[in-house]
Amino acid sequence: MAKPSRYTREEIEKYVAKGFWKTTISNMWDRNANEYANKAAIEDLRTTLTWAGAKQWTDRMALNLLELGIKRDDVIVVQLPNCNELNLFRVASEKAGVLCIPVIANMREKEMEYILRYTDARAVVIPWNHRRFDHFGMIESMRSVLPKLEHVLVVDDKVPDGALSVARLANEPLGQRYTETSYLEERRYKPTETSIINLTTGTTGFPKFAEYPAAANAAWGEGQSPFLRLTLADIVAAIAPAARGPTLPVYYDAPWVGAKAVMLQWNGPEEALRAIEAKKVTVACLVPTQLAMMMEQFKIGSYDLSSIRVWYSAGALMPPSLLKEVEERIGGTVVIDYGLVDFGGLIVQDFEDPQGLRMHTVGKPRFGTEIMIVDEDGKAAKIGNVGEILGRGPTCSSGYYKDPKATSESWNKDGWFAMGDLGKIDEQGNLSVVGRKKDMIIRGGQNIYPSEIENLLITHPKILEVAIVAMPDPVMGEKACAYVVLRTGESLILEEMTAFLREKNIASFKIPERLEIIDRLPVVSGQKVDKKSLGQDIAKKLSNEKEDGE
């Protein structure tokens, strides 16, 4: 049994008794196959499946995983771009009692070898070629150091020798050897068992593996869909290429209400806007950077986006000015979700929250999630005071897979997880996130919160994206440096940026003392700005300049 790592029997029974843990996502898919058999369940740019068709696909794939000799609680790694199979393998694996680890498509040899070796994965699902990269060749090159890896499943029209065709497996009936439904009932994960493992988005090179009980994921869908006002008629699209975060409504909310999921690969803002228009998407799930790029494209193109109800944003902080501009120029309501892969708790805005509230807070904890702000001594902070954000609840991660040490270090004895973010809670219980604790800049003993400056600079008419990072200083300890991506055809100098910020009437010590213009901000896991690499970049530049001066 894949028991959740950090939960005691008493804690599991508590969540079950309170009604938070009661079903699984695969049960939701099967329920929808009975109730909405001929309604479209999922589609990408190639294929559409009804709920009945999706049940047949996931049942057959689950049985074929068993036929391949994959045992209960073995691991299957799924490295795919956004496509139907990326979603369906989660369901099929849960039915087969196999632990599924979704992996973003741009990971390469270093990361993939670590993931496959650490988890002792028995199978991996990949495209043969994606964006001119040979995924099959990558896997083959490391087979000698992966003795546990037995099967390579390929999602492509053509499949290389030595691999198995996903399409063939999904279309191969096994009813003669199995009584499909009854056999899978014995194998599928129960609500209180771990069913999926998600990679963290750390910047240390190798991720940790956050495990989630099957019921926690289903609880996410039950808990969040009311705040997005999701119904059977909605069309929920994955725009962000992520395993969790921005795409959670696609995986968990949509099946909860029977809405259609659309899996869209990110090939730039123009194609995304055209796909939203063509598919009549009502809920688009993305990160702020994608939304900013789509906003710029919208200004110069012609698109019918009247179907959009919700822009669902997660994975990074949303600049208030961007939220306002999207709602006023494109339409729809921007709803922000806050969390971490390691944490997973449900903190989200309500669709009907006023714009001002959605611009300056990330909403309230929902569906049993609890939030606490603590000061530097670990004591509960007063309302309105900034401190570190702690969280716990029934939609949260149950710990790190095969890593009890990291689990015990990240969750305290009362089940609180330290988010690593700084924030404050207002009188109404809304959470405002100031920024990452490790990103805070201390200039001569005074605290600078990068997100405050970023939210001001992003309103500059010449600036498209901005990241504020610390740079070492021999006198002040640290000073702020602004990395800026400019709008097409624009130029900017430090004095111009400084004058703009002075007009905002902020304290002078908060104003960045260096400006770096770059073509694009580096990101990790396709969604979060990699401030670690920017900090390393400016430190290296300062060091080189010092040597040149000497």
Protein backbone atom coordinates (compact mmCIF):
# COMPACT_ATOMS: atom_id res chain seq x y z
CA MET A 1 0.00 0.00 0.00
CA ALA A 2 1.34 3.46 -0.95
CA LYS A 3 0.78 5.00 2.46
CA PRO A 4 1.15 8.81 2.62
CA SER A 5 4.53 9.41 4.27
CA ARG A 6 3.83 11.90 7.04
CA TYR A 7 0.18 11.20 7.89
CA THR A 8 -0.74 9.15 10.94
CA ARG A 9 -3.81 6.95 10.95
CA GLU A 10 -5.54 9.49 13.19
CA GLU A 11 -4.88 12.33 10.72
CA ILE A 12 -6.16 10.27 7.79
CA GLU A 13 -9.30 9.33 9.71
CA LYS A 14 -9.83 13.01 10.60
CA TYR A 15 -9.84 14.10 6.95
CA VAL A 16 -12.14 11.22 6.03
CA ALA A 17 -14.55 11.94 8.90
CA LYS A 18 -14.73 15.64 8.00
CA GLY A 19 -15.66 14.79 4.41
CA PHE A 20 -12.50 16.15 2.79
CA TRP A 21 -11.16 12.77 1.67
CA LYS A 22 -13.83 10.66 0.02
CA THR A 23 -13.05 9.79 -3.59
CA THR A 24 -10.40 9.84 -6.35
CA ILE A 25 -10.00 11.47 -9.74
CA SER A 26 -10.23 8.13 -11.56
CA ASN A 27 -13.58 7.56 -9.83
CA MET A 28 -14.69 10.96 -11.14
CA TRP A 29 -13.72 10.03 -14.69
CA ASP A 30 -15.63 6.73 -14.43
CA ARG A 31 -18.66 8.49 -12.95
CA ASN A 32 -18.65 10.95 -15.86
CA ALA A 33 -18.43 8.07 -18.33
CA ASN A 34 -21.69 6.77 -16.89
CA GLU A 35 -23.47 10.12 -16.64
CA TYR A 36 -22.10 11.97 -19.71
CA ALA A 37 -20.96 9.10 -21.94
CA ASN A 38 -21.15 10.95 -25.27
CA LYS A 39 -20.05 14.38 -24.04
CA ALA A 40 -16.54 15.51 -24.99
CA ALA A 41 -14.18 14.99 -22.04
CA ILE A 42 -10.76 15.94 -23.32
CA GLU A 43 -9.13 17.18 -26.50
CA ASP A 44 -5.88 18.51 -27.88
CA LEU A 45 -5.02 19.73 -31.37
CA ARG A 46 -5.12 16.13 -32.68
CA THR A 47 -7.85 14.17 -30.92
CA THR A 48 -11.10 14.48 -28.98
CA LEU A 49 -12.35 11.79 -26.60
CA THR A 50 -15.76 11.50 -25.01
CA TRP A 51 -16.07 10.48 -21.39
CA ALA A 52 -16.94 6.95 -22.53
CA GLY A 53 -13.98 6.94 -24.90
CA ALA A 54 -11.69 8.20 -22.15
CA LYS A 55 -12.82 5.40 -19.84
CA GLN A 56 -12.03 2.83 -22.49
CA TRP A 57 -8.61 4.43 -23.08
CA THR A 58 -7.67 4.57 -19.40
CA ASP A 59 -9.02 1.07 -18.63
CA ARG A 60 -7.06 -0.47 -21.48
CA MET A 61 -3.90 1.43 -20.67
CA ALA A 62 -4.17 0.48 -17.00
CA LEU A 63 -4.55 -3.18 -17.92
CA ASN A 64 -1.65 -3.01 -20.35
CA LEU A 65 0.56 -1.58 -17.62
CA LEU A 66 -0.27 -4.68 -15.58
CA GLU A 67 0.29 -6.87 -18.63
CA LEU A 68 3.79 -5.40 -18.91
CA GLY A 69 4.52 -6.70 -15.42
CA ILE A 70 4.41 -3.33 -13.66
CA LYS A 71 3.53 -4.07 -10.05
CA ARG A 72 1.46 -2.09 -7.60
CA ASP A 73 3.30 0.97 -6.28
CA ASP A 74 5.90 0.80 -9.04
CA VAL A 75 6.72 4.14 -10.71
CA ILE A 76 5.95 5.35 -14.22
CA VAL A 77 7.47 8.67 -15.34
CA VAL A 78 5.47 10.64 -17.92
CA GLN A 79 7.49 13.23 -19.83
CA LEU A 80 5.14 14.82 -22.35
CA PRO A 81 4.18 18.26 -23.61
CA ASN A 82 0.55 19.28 -23.09
CA CYS A 83 -1.51 16.62 -24.84
CA ASN A 84 -4.37 14.27 -24.02
CA GLU A 85 -2.01 11.50 -22.95
CA LEU A 86 -0.37 13.69 -20.30
CA ASN A 87 -3.74 13.94 -18.56
CA LEU A 88 -4.99 10.42 -19.28
CA PHE A 89 -1.89 8.66 -17.94
CA ARG A 90 -2.61 10.14 -14.51
CA VAL A 91 -5.99 8.46 -14.56
CA ALA A 92 -4.78 5.17 -16.03
CA SER A 93 -1.92 4.94 -13.52
CA GLU A 94 -4.29 5.54 -10.61
CA LYS A 95 -6.52 2.75 -11.91
CA ALA A 96 -3.52 0.42 -12.21
CA GLY A 97 -2.19 1.22 -8.74
CA VAL A 98 0.99 2.63 -10.26
CA LEU A 99 2.67 5.82 -9.01
CA CYS A 100 2.66 8.46 -11.75
CA ILE A 101 5.34 11.16 -11.96
CA PRO A 102 4.56 13.85 -14.58
CA VAL A 103 7.68 15.62 -15.87
CA ILE A 104 7.90 18.72 -18.05
CA ALA A 105 9.08 18.13 -21.60
CA ASN A 106 12.17 20.37 -21.49
CA MET A 107 14.09 18.31 -18.94
CA ARG A 108 17.18 16.66 -20.38
CA GLU A 109 19.72 13.91 -19.60
CA LYS A 110 20.96 15.26 -16.28
CA GLU A 111 17.50 15.70 -14.75
CA MET A 112 15.88 12.66 -16.36
CA GLU A 113 18.62 10.25 -15.31
CA TYR A 114 18.36 11.49 -11.74
CA ILE A 115 14.55 11.17 -11.71
CA LEU A 116 14.50 7.70 -13.24
CA ARG A 117 17.27 6.38 -10.99
CA TYR A 118 15.99 7.95 -7.76
CA THR A 119 12.49 6.55 -8.22
CA ASP A 120 13.52 3.17 -9.69
CA ALA A 121 11.02 3.85 -12.45
CA ARG A 122 9.86 0.76 -14.32
CA ALA A 123 8.49 2.65 -17.33
CA VAL A 124 8.76 6.05 -18.99
CA VAL A 125 6.33 7.71 -21.42
CA ILE A 126 7.83 10.14 -23.95
CA PRO A 127 7.39 11.60 -27.41
CA TRP A 128 9.92 10.27 -29.92
CA ASN A 129 10.83 13.77 -31.07
CA HIS A 130 9.55 17.05 -29.71
CA ARG A 131 10.75 20.47 -30.86
CA ARG A 132 13.69 18.91 -32.69
CA PHE A 133 14.86 16.97 -29.63
CA ASP A 134 15.18 13.17 -29.69
CA HIS A 135 13.64 12.03 -26.41
CA PHE A 136 13.93 8.36 -27.31
CA GLY A 137 17.62 8.76 -28.09
CA MET A 138 18.10 10.46 -24.72
CA ILE A 139 16.48 7.58 -22.84
CA GLU A 140 18.38 4.96 -24.84
CA SER A 141 21.69 6.67 -24.06
CA MET A 142 21.18 6.18 -20.33
CA ARG A 143 19.65 2.68 -20.30
CA SER A 144 22.94 1.14 -19.10
CA VAL A 145 22.69 3.02 -15.79
CA LEU A 146 18.96 2.40 -15.35
CA PRO A 147 18.64 -1.33 -14.62
CA LYS A 148 15.10 -0.97 -13.25
CA LEU A 149 13.77 0.77 -16.39
CA GLU A 150 12.13 -1.93 -18.50
CA HIS A 151 9.67 -0.19 -20.79
CA VAL A 152 9.74 2.93 -22.98
CA LEU A 153 6.29 4.00 -24.20
CA VAL A 154 6.17 6.48 -27.07
CA VAL A 155 3.37 8.90 -27.93
CA ASP A 156 3.88 9.46 -31.65
CA ASP A 157 2.47 8.32 -34.97
CA LYS A 158 5.72 6.46 -35.60
CA VAL A 159 7.51 4.49 -32.91
CA PRO A 160 11.19 3.48 -32.96
CA ASP A 161 12.39 -0.09 -32.52
CA GLY A 162 12.72 -0.90 -28.86
CA ALA A 163 9.73 1.20 -27.79
CA LEU A 164 6.04 0.48 -27.28
CA SER A 165 3.32 2.42 -29.06
CA VAL A 166 0.95 4.17 -26.66
CA ALA A 167 -1.70 4.32 -29.38
CA ARG A 168 -1.50 0.56 -29.91
CA LEU A 169 -1.74 -0.18 -26.19
CA ALA A 170 -4.71 2.13 -25.78
CA ASN A 171 -6.55 0.49 -28.66
CA GLU A 172 -5.83 -3.11 -27.70
CA PRO A 173 -8.77 -4.74 -25.88
CA LEU A 174 -7.77 -7.11 -23.09
CA GLY A 175 -11.21 -8.21 -22.06
CA GLN A 176 -10.47 -11.80 -23.01
CA ARG A 177 -7.76 -11.99 -20.35
CA TYR A 178 -9.30 -9.72 -17.73
CA THR A 179 -12.69 -8.78 -16.47
CA GLU A 180 -11.76 -5.14 -16.93
CA THR A 181 -13.77 -3.28 -14.30
CA SER A 182 -13.60 -5.88 -11.52
CA TYR A 183 -9.88 -6.53 -11.94
CA LEU A 184 -9.02 -2.84 -11.86
CA GLU A 185 -11.14 -2.34 -8.74
CA GLU A 186 -8.69 -4.58 -6.92
CA ARG A 187 -5.68 -2.63 -8.20
CA ARG A 188 -6.71 1.02 -8.26
CA TYR A 189 -5.58 3.32 -5.52
CA LYS A 190 -7.92 3.97 -2.63
CA PRO A 191 -8.61 7.58 -1.62
CA THR A 192 -6.20 7.43 1.32
CA GLU A 193 -3.28 6.04 -0.69
CA THR A 194 -0.56 8.03 -2.46
CA SER A 195 -1.22 8.03 -6.20
CA ILE A 196 0.91 10.74 -7.78
CA ILE A 197 4.29 12.37 -7.25
CA ASN A 198 5.06 15.89 -8.43
CA LEU A 199 8.49 17.41 -8.90
CA THR A 200 9.33 20.54 -6.96
CA THR A 201 10.48 23.60 -8.92
CA GLY A 202 13.68 24.22 -7.02
CA THR A 203 16.79 25.85 -8.44
CA THR A 204 19.37 23.47 -6.97
CA GLY A 205 19.61 21.34 -10.11
CA PHE A 206 17.72 18.32 -8.82
CA PRO A 207 14.12 18.36 -7.60
CA LYS A 208 12.48 16.80 -4.60
CA PHE A 209 9.43 14.58 -5.07
CA ALA A 210 6.21 15.73 -3.41
CA GLU A 211 3.71 12.92 -3.02
CA TYR A 212 -0.05 13.38 -2.97
CA PRO A 213 -2.82 11.07 -1.74
CA ALA A 214 -5.49 10.32 -4.35
CA ALA A 215 -8.19 11.91 -2.19
CA ALA A 216 -6.18 15.12 -1.76
CA ASN A 217 -6.24 15.71 -5.50
CA ALA A 218 -9.95 14.99 -5.77
CA ALA A 219 -10.52 17.29 -2.80
CA TRP A 220 -8.76 20.05 -4.73
CA GLY A 221 -11.36 19.79 -7.49
CA GLU A 222 -14.24 19.75 -5.05
CA GLY A 223 -12.81 22.63 -3.05
CA GLN A 224 -11.83 24.99 -5.86
CA SER A 225 -14.42 24.55 -8.61
CA PRO A 226 -17.14 26.50 -6.72
CA PHE A 227 -14.88 29.58 -6.48
CA LEU A 228 -14.33 29.49 -10.24
CA ARG A 229 -18.07 28.91 -10.77
CA LEU A 230 -17.26 25.89 -12.93
CA THR A 231 -20.12 24.00 -14.58
CA LEU A 232 -20.63 21.15 -17.01
CA ALA A 233 -20.60 23.69 -19.86
CA ASP A 234 -17.10 25.03 -19.19
CA ILE A 235 -14.08 24.38 -21.39
CA VAL A 236 -10.92 24.42 -19.25
CA ALA A 237 -7.61 24.79 -21.11
CA ALA A 238 -4.03 24.06 -20.07
CA ILE A 239 -1.86 26.84 -21.49
CA ALA A 240 1.06 26.52 -19.07
CA PRO A 241 3.36 23.52 -19.57
CA ALA A 242 3.33 22.41 -15.95
CA ALA A 243 2.52 19.31 -13.93
CA ARG A 244 0.75 21.21 -11.14
CA GLY A 245 0.18 24.86 -10.29
CA PRO A 246 -1.43 26.65 -13.23
CA THR A 247 -2.91 23.49 -14.74
CA LEU A 248 -4.57 22.08 -11.62
CA PRO A 249 -8.11 23.05 -12.73
CA VAL A 250 -7.59 21.01 -15.90
CA TYR A 251 -6.61 17.89 -14.00
CA TYR A 252 -8.87 18.10 -10.96
CA ASP A 253 -11.61 20.74 -11.27
CA ALA A 254 -12.82 19.88 -14.77
CA PRO A 255 -13.57 16.19 -14.06
CA TRP A 256 -15.21 17.11 -10.77
CA VAL A 257 -17.96 18.99 -12.63
CA GLY A 258 -17.78 17.11 -15.96
CA ALA A 259 -16.32 20.07 -17.89
CA LYS A 260 -14.19 19.52 -20.99
CA ALA A 261 -10.40 19.75 -20.68
CA VAL A 262 -8.31 21.11 -23.54
CA MET A 263 -4.56 20.42 -23.64
CA LEU A 264 -2.70 23.14 -25.57
CA GLN A 265 1.05 23.28 -26.17
CA TRP A 266 2.66 26.68 -25.67
CA ASN A 267 4.05 27.87 -28.99
CA GLY A 268 3.89 31.57 -28.29
CA PRO A 269 1.12 34.10 -27.59
CA GLU A 270 -0.27 34.27 -31.15
CA GLU A 271 -0.95 30.54 -31.35
CA ALA A 272 -2.36 30.48 -27.81
CA LEU A 273 -4.83 33.27 -28.55
CA ARG A 274 -5.91 31.56 -31.80
CA ALA A 275 -6.41 28.27 -29.97
CA ILE A 276 -8.50 29.91 -27.22
CA GLU A 277 -10.64 31.50 -29.91
CA ALA A 278 -11.02 28.29 -31.94
CA LYS A 279 -11.73 26.03 -28.94
CA LYS A 280 -14.04 28.61 -27.29
CA VAL A 281 -12.13 28.23 -24.03
CA THR A 282 -13.91 29.57 -20.95
CA VAL A 283 -11.15 29.02 -18.36
CA ALA A 284 -7.52 29.51 -19.46
CA CYS A 285 -4.87 28.20 -17.04
CA LEU A 286 -1.48 29.90 -17.30
CA VAL A 287 1.34 31.82 -15.62
CA PRO A 288 1.61 35.64 -15.47
CA THR A 289 4.45 35.76 -18.03
CA GLN A 290 2.29 34.01 -20.61
CA LEU A 291 -0.60 36.34 -19.88
CA ALA A 292 1.66 39.39 -20.27
CA MET A 293 2.87 38.12 -23.65
CA MET A 294 -0.70 37.41 -24.76
CA MET A 295 -1.74 40.90 -23.66
CA GLU A 296 0.93 42.42 -25.90
CA GLN A 297 -0.09 40.23 -28.83
CA PHE A 298 -3.76 41.07 -28.29
CA LYS A 299 -2.96 44.77 -28.79
CA ILE A 300 -1.65 44.20 -32.31
CA GLY A 301 -3.95 41.40 -33.49
CA SER A 302 -7.63 40.65 -33.91
CA TYR A 303 -9.12 37.90 -31.73
CA ASP A 304 -12.57 36.89 -30.55
CA LEU A 305 -12.05 35.95 -26.90
CA SER A 306 -15.64 36.49 -25.86
CA SER A 307 -15.85 32.90 -24.55
CA ILE A 308 -13.32 33.57 -21.75
CA ARG A 309 -14.78 33.77 -18.24
CA VAL A 310 -11.63 33.15 -16.20
CA TRP A 311 -7.90 33.67 -16.60
CA TYR A 312 -6.56 31.30 -13.92
CA SER A 313 -3.04 32.28 -12.88
CA ALA A 314 -0.56 30.47 -10.64
CA GLY A 315 3.13 29.68 -10.40
CA ALA A 316 4.29 33.27 -9.80
CA LEU A 317 2.97 36.53 -8.37
CA MET A 318 0.59 38.45 -10.65
CA PRO A 319 1.46 42.14 -11.20
CA PRO A 320 -1.67 44.13 -10.22
CA SER A 321 -1.34 46.34 -13.30
CA LEU A 322 -1.42 43.29 -15.59
CA LEU A 323 -4.56 41.95 -13.91
CA LYS A 324 -6.33 45.26 -14.39
CA GLU A 325 -5.20 45.70 -18.01
CA VAL A 326 -6.30 42.19 -19.03
CA GLU A 327 -9.74 42.58 -17.52
CA GLU A 328 -10.27 46.03 -19.03
CA ARG A 329 -8.87 45.35 -22.52
CA ILE A 330 -9.47 41.64 -23.17
CA GLY A 331 -12.25 40.78 -20.76
CA GLY A 332 -12.81 37.88 -18.40
CA THR A 333 -11.87 37.73 -14.72
CA VAL A 334 -8.33 37.02 -13.50
CA VAL A 335 -8.38 34.56 -10.59
CA ILE A 336 -5.14 33.89 -8.72
CA ASP A 337 -4.19 30.69 -6.95
CA TYR A 338 -1.34 30.64 -4.45
CA GLY A 339 0.71 27.67 -3.37
CA LEU A 340 3.80 25.55 -3.87
CA VAL A 341 4.22 22.07 -5.35
CA ASP A 342 5.66 20.96 -2.00
CA PHE A 343 2.66 22.39 -0.13
CA GLY A 344 -0.40 22.06 -2.35
CA GLY A 345 -2.91 23.73 -0.03
CA LEU A 346 -5.90 25.49 -1.51
CA ILE A 347 -5.61 29.30 -1.32
CA VAL A 348 -7.55 30.97 -4.10
CA GLN A 349 -9.57 34.04 -4.92
CA ASP A 350 -13.30 33.95 -5.48
CA PHE A 351 -14.49 34.69 -9.02
CA GLU A 352 -16.77 37.38 -7.60
CA ASP A 353 -14.17 39.11 -5.44
CA PRO A 354 -13.87 42.82 -6.41
CA GLN A 355 -10.99 43.72 -8.70
CA GLY A 356 -9.15 45.73 -6.03
CA LEU A 357 -9.09 42.73 -3.69
CA ARG A 358 -7.85 40.42 -6.44
CA MET A 359 -5.12 42.92 -7.41
CA HIS A 360 -3.60 43.09 -3.93
CA THR A 361 -4.27 39.73 -2.25
CA VAL A 362 -4.20 36.06 -3.31
CA GLY A 363 -7.49 35.30 -1.60
CA LYS A 364 -8.44 33.12 1.35
CA PRO A 365 -7.55 29.57 2.39
CA ARG A 366 -10.34 27.21 1.25
CA PHE A 367 -11.68 23.72 1.91
CA GLY A 368 -9.95 23.03 5.21
CA THR A 369 -6.64 24.72 4.36
CA GLU A 370 -5.16 26.69 7.26
CA ILE A 371 -2.67 29.57 7.05
CA MET A 372 -0.57 31.11 9.82
CA ILE A 373 1.89 34.02 9.69
CA VAL A 374 4.84 33.75 12.08
CA ASP A 375 7.52 36.26 13.09
CA GLU A 376 11.26 35.66 13.27
CA ASP A 377 10.82 33.89 16.62
CA GLY A 378 8.25 31.49 15.18
CA LYS A 379 5.36 33.10 17.06
CA ALA A 380 2.05 34.01 15.44
CA ALA A 381 2.25 37.50 13.96
CA LYS A 382 -0.42 40.13 14.51
CA ILE A 383 -3.01 40.86 11.82
CA GLY A 384 -1.42 43.01 9.13
CA ASN A 385 2.18 42.28 10.16
CA VAL A 386 4.58 40.67 7.67
CA GLY A 387 6.00 37.26 8.53
CA GLU A 388 6.68 33.83 7.09
CA ILE A 389 3.69 31.92 5.72
CA LEU A 390 2.92 28.46 7.15
CA GLY A 391 0.18 26.18 5.86
CA ARG A 392 -1.51 22.81 6.29
CA GLY A 393 -4.69 21.09 5.14
CA PRO A 394 -6.39 18.17 3.37
CA THR A 395 -5.29 19.09 -0.18
CA CYS A 396 -1.63 19.26 0.84
CA SER A 397 1.36 17.10 -0.03
CA SER A 398 1.87 14.14 2.29
CA GLY A 399 5.66 14.50 2.26
CA TYR A 400 8.66 13.82 0.06
CA TYR A 401 8.86 10.44 -1.64
CA LYS A 402 11.63 8.24 -0.21
CA ASP A 403 13.00 11.17 1.79
CA PRO A 404 11.93 11.06 5.46
CA LYS A 405 14.71 13.47 6.44
CA ALA A 406 13.51 16.24 4.11
CA THR A 407 9.93 15.54 5.15
CA SER A 408 10.68 15.95 8.86
CA GLU A 409 12.68 19.12 8.16
CA SER A 410 9.92 20.75 6.10
CA TRP A 411 6.85 19.93 8.23
CA ASN A 412 6.80 20.49 11.97
CA LYS A 413 5.23 18.14 14.51
CA ASP A 414 1.86 19.91 14.16
CA GLY A 415 1.78 19.46 10.39
CA TRP A 416 2.66 23.06 9.43
CA PHE A 417 4.70 23.53 6.26
CA ALA A 418 6.99 26.56 5.97
CA MET A 419 6.29 28.09 2.55
CA GLY A 420 9.46 30.16 2.36
CA ASP A 421 7.31 33.17 1.44
CA LEU A 422 6.66 36.34 3.39
CA GLY A 423 3.12 37.60 3.69
CA LYS A 424 0.42 39.15 5.84
CA ILE A 425 -3.27 38.51 6.52
CA ASP A 426 -5.90 41.26 6.69
CA GLU A 427 -8.92 41.52 8.96
CA GLN A 428 -11.07 39.59 6.45
CA GLY A 429 -8.62 36.68 6.26
CA ASN A 430 -7.20 37.52 2.83
CA LEU A 431 -3.54 36.70 2.29
CA SER A 432 -1.09 39.12 0.66
CA VAL A 433 2.25 37.66 -0.46
CA VAL A 434 5.20 40.04 -0.18
CA GLY A 435 7.73 37.73 -1.82
CA ARG A 436 10.16 34.89 -1.21
CA LYS A 437 11.90 35.03 2.15
CA LYS A 438 15.24 34.23 0.51
CA ASP A 439 14.70 36.97 -2.11
CA MET A 440 14.31 39.74 0.47
CA ILE A 441 17.10 42.31 0.11
CA ILE A 442 18.63 43.78 3.28
CA ARG A 443 20.26 47.10 2.41
CA GLY A 444 22.10 48.53 5.39
CA GLY A 445 19.66 46.86 7.76
CA GLN A 446 16.54 47.96 5.86
CA ASN A 447 14.30 45.37 4.20
CA ILE A 448 13.44 45.61 0.51
CA TYR A 449 10.67 43.33 -0.78
CA PRO A 450 11.34 42.77 -4.52
CA SER A 451 7.68 42.25 -5.46
CA GLU A 452 6.82 45.79 -4.26
CA ILE A 453 9.34 47.32 -6.68
CA GLU A 454 8.47 44.88 -9.47
CA ASN A 455 4.79 45.79 -9.26
CA LEU A 456 5.69 49.45 -9.67
CA LEU A 457 8.17 49.01 -12.51
CA ILE A 458 5.89 46.75 -14.51
CA THR A 459 3.60 49.77 -14.94
CA HIS A 460 6.35 51.65 -16.80
CA PRO A 461 5.22 51.95 -20.44
CA LYS A 462 8.57 50.68 -21.74
CA ILE A 463 8.87 47.61 -19.49
CA LEU A 464 7.43 44.18 -20.36
CA GLU A 465 8.96 42.09 -17.56
CA VAL A 466 11.09 42.83 -14.51
CA ALA A 467 12.87 40.97 -11.71
CA ILE A 468 14.53 42.63 -8.73
CA VAL A 469 17.47 40.76 -7.16
CA ALA A 470 20.12 41.44 -4.54
CA MET A 471 23.63 42.39 -5.55
CA PRO A 472 26.52 42.33 -3.07
CA ASP A 473 27.82 45.63 -1.78
CA PRO A 474 30.88 46.10 0.47
CA VAL A 475 29.27 48.93 2.46
CA MET A 476 25.51 48.20 2.55
CA GLY A 477 25.80 44.43 2.39
CA GLU A 478 23.24 44.28 -0.40
CA LYS A 479 21.66 46.63 -2.90
CA ALA A 480 18.87 46.10 -5.43
CA CYS A 481 19.47 45.42 -9.10
CA ALA A 482 16.68 45.51 -11.71
CA TYR A 483 16.72 43.01 -14.57
CA VAL A 484 14.33 44.32 -17.22
CA VAL A 485 12.86 43.00 -20.47
CA LEU A 486 11.75 45.94 -22.62
CA ARG A 487 8.83 46.19 -24.99
CA THR A 488 9.73 45.95 -28.68
CA GLY A 489 11.68 48.94 -29.96
CA GLU A 490 12.11 50.61 -26.56
CA SER A 491 15.21 51.72 -24.66
CA LEU A 492 15.71 52.60 -20.99
CA ILE A 493 18.51 54.02 -18.85
CA LEU A 494 19.02 53.84 -15.09
CA GLU A 495 18.27 57.54 -14.50
CA GLU A 496 14.95 57.22 -16.33
CA MET A 497 13.96 54.20 -14.23
CA THR A 498 15.03 55.95 -11.03
CA ALA A 499 13.01 59.08 -11.85
CA PHE A 500 9.94 56.94 -12.55
CA LEU A 501 10.19 55.25 -9.15
CA ARG A 502 10.78 58.53 -7.32
CA GLU A 503 7.48 59.76 -8.73
CA LYS A 504 5.82 56.81 -6.96
CA ASN A 505 6.87 58.32 -3.62
CA ILE A 506 8.63 55.25 -2.28
CA ALA A 507 11.55 55.29 0.14
CA SER A 508 14.81 56.04 -1.67
CA PHE A 509 16.59 52.98 -0.21
CA LYS A 510 14.16 50.73 -2.14
CA ILE A 511 15.11 52.11 -5.56
CA PRO A 512 17.37 49.74 -7.56
CA GLU A 513 20.87 51.11 -8.01
CA ARG A 514 21.68 49.15 -11.14
CA LEU A 515 19.75 48.32 -14.32
CA GLU A 516 20.40 45.30 -16.53
CA ILE A 517 18.53 45.03 -19.85
CA ILE A 518 18.09 41.43 -21.07
CA ASP A 519 16.11 39.75 -23.85
CA ARG A 520 14.20 37.37 -21.57
CA LEU A 521 14.03 36.40 -17.91
CA PRO A 522 15.35 32.91 -17.10
CA VAL A 523 12.75 30.55 -15.66
CA VAL A 524 12.68 27.21 -13.86
CA SER A 525 10.09 24.53 -14.65
CA GLY A 526 8.61 26.72 -17.33
CA GLN A 527 6.96 29.15 -14.94
CA LYS A 528 9.01 30.78 -12.14
CA VAL A 529 11.67 33.42 -12.67
CA ASP A 530 15.05 31.95 -11.79
CA LYS A 531 16.27 34.70 -9.47
CA LYS A 532 19.11 32.52 -8.27
CA SER A 533 20.74 32.60 -11.71
CA LEU A 534 20.15 36.36 -11.97
CA GLY A 535 21.80 36.87 -8.58
CA GLN A 536 24.76 34.78 -9.72
CA ASP A 537 24.93 36.78 -12.95
CA ILE A 538 25.11 40.19 -11.26
CA ALA A 539 27.60 38.94 -8.66
CA LYS A 540 29.85 37.67 -11.46
CA LYS A 541 29.56 40.95 -13.36
CA LEU A 542 30.49 42.95 -10.28
CA SER A 543 33.46 40.68 -9.61
CA ASN A 544 34.69 41.03 -13.19
CA GLU A 545 34.28 44.81 -13.07
CA LYS A 546 36.27 44.95 -9.83
CA GLU A 547 39.09 42.91 -11.38
CA ASP A 548 39.11 45.10 -14.48
CA GLY A 549 39.28 48.19 -12.27
CA GLU A 550 42.26 46.81 -10.43
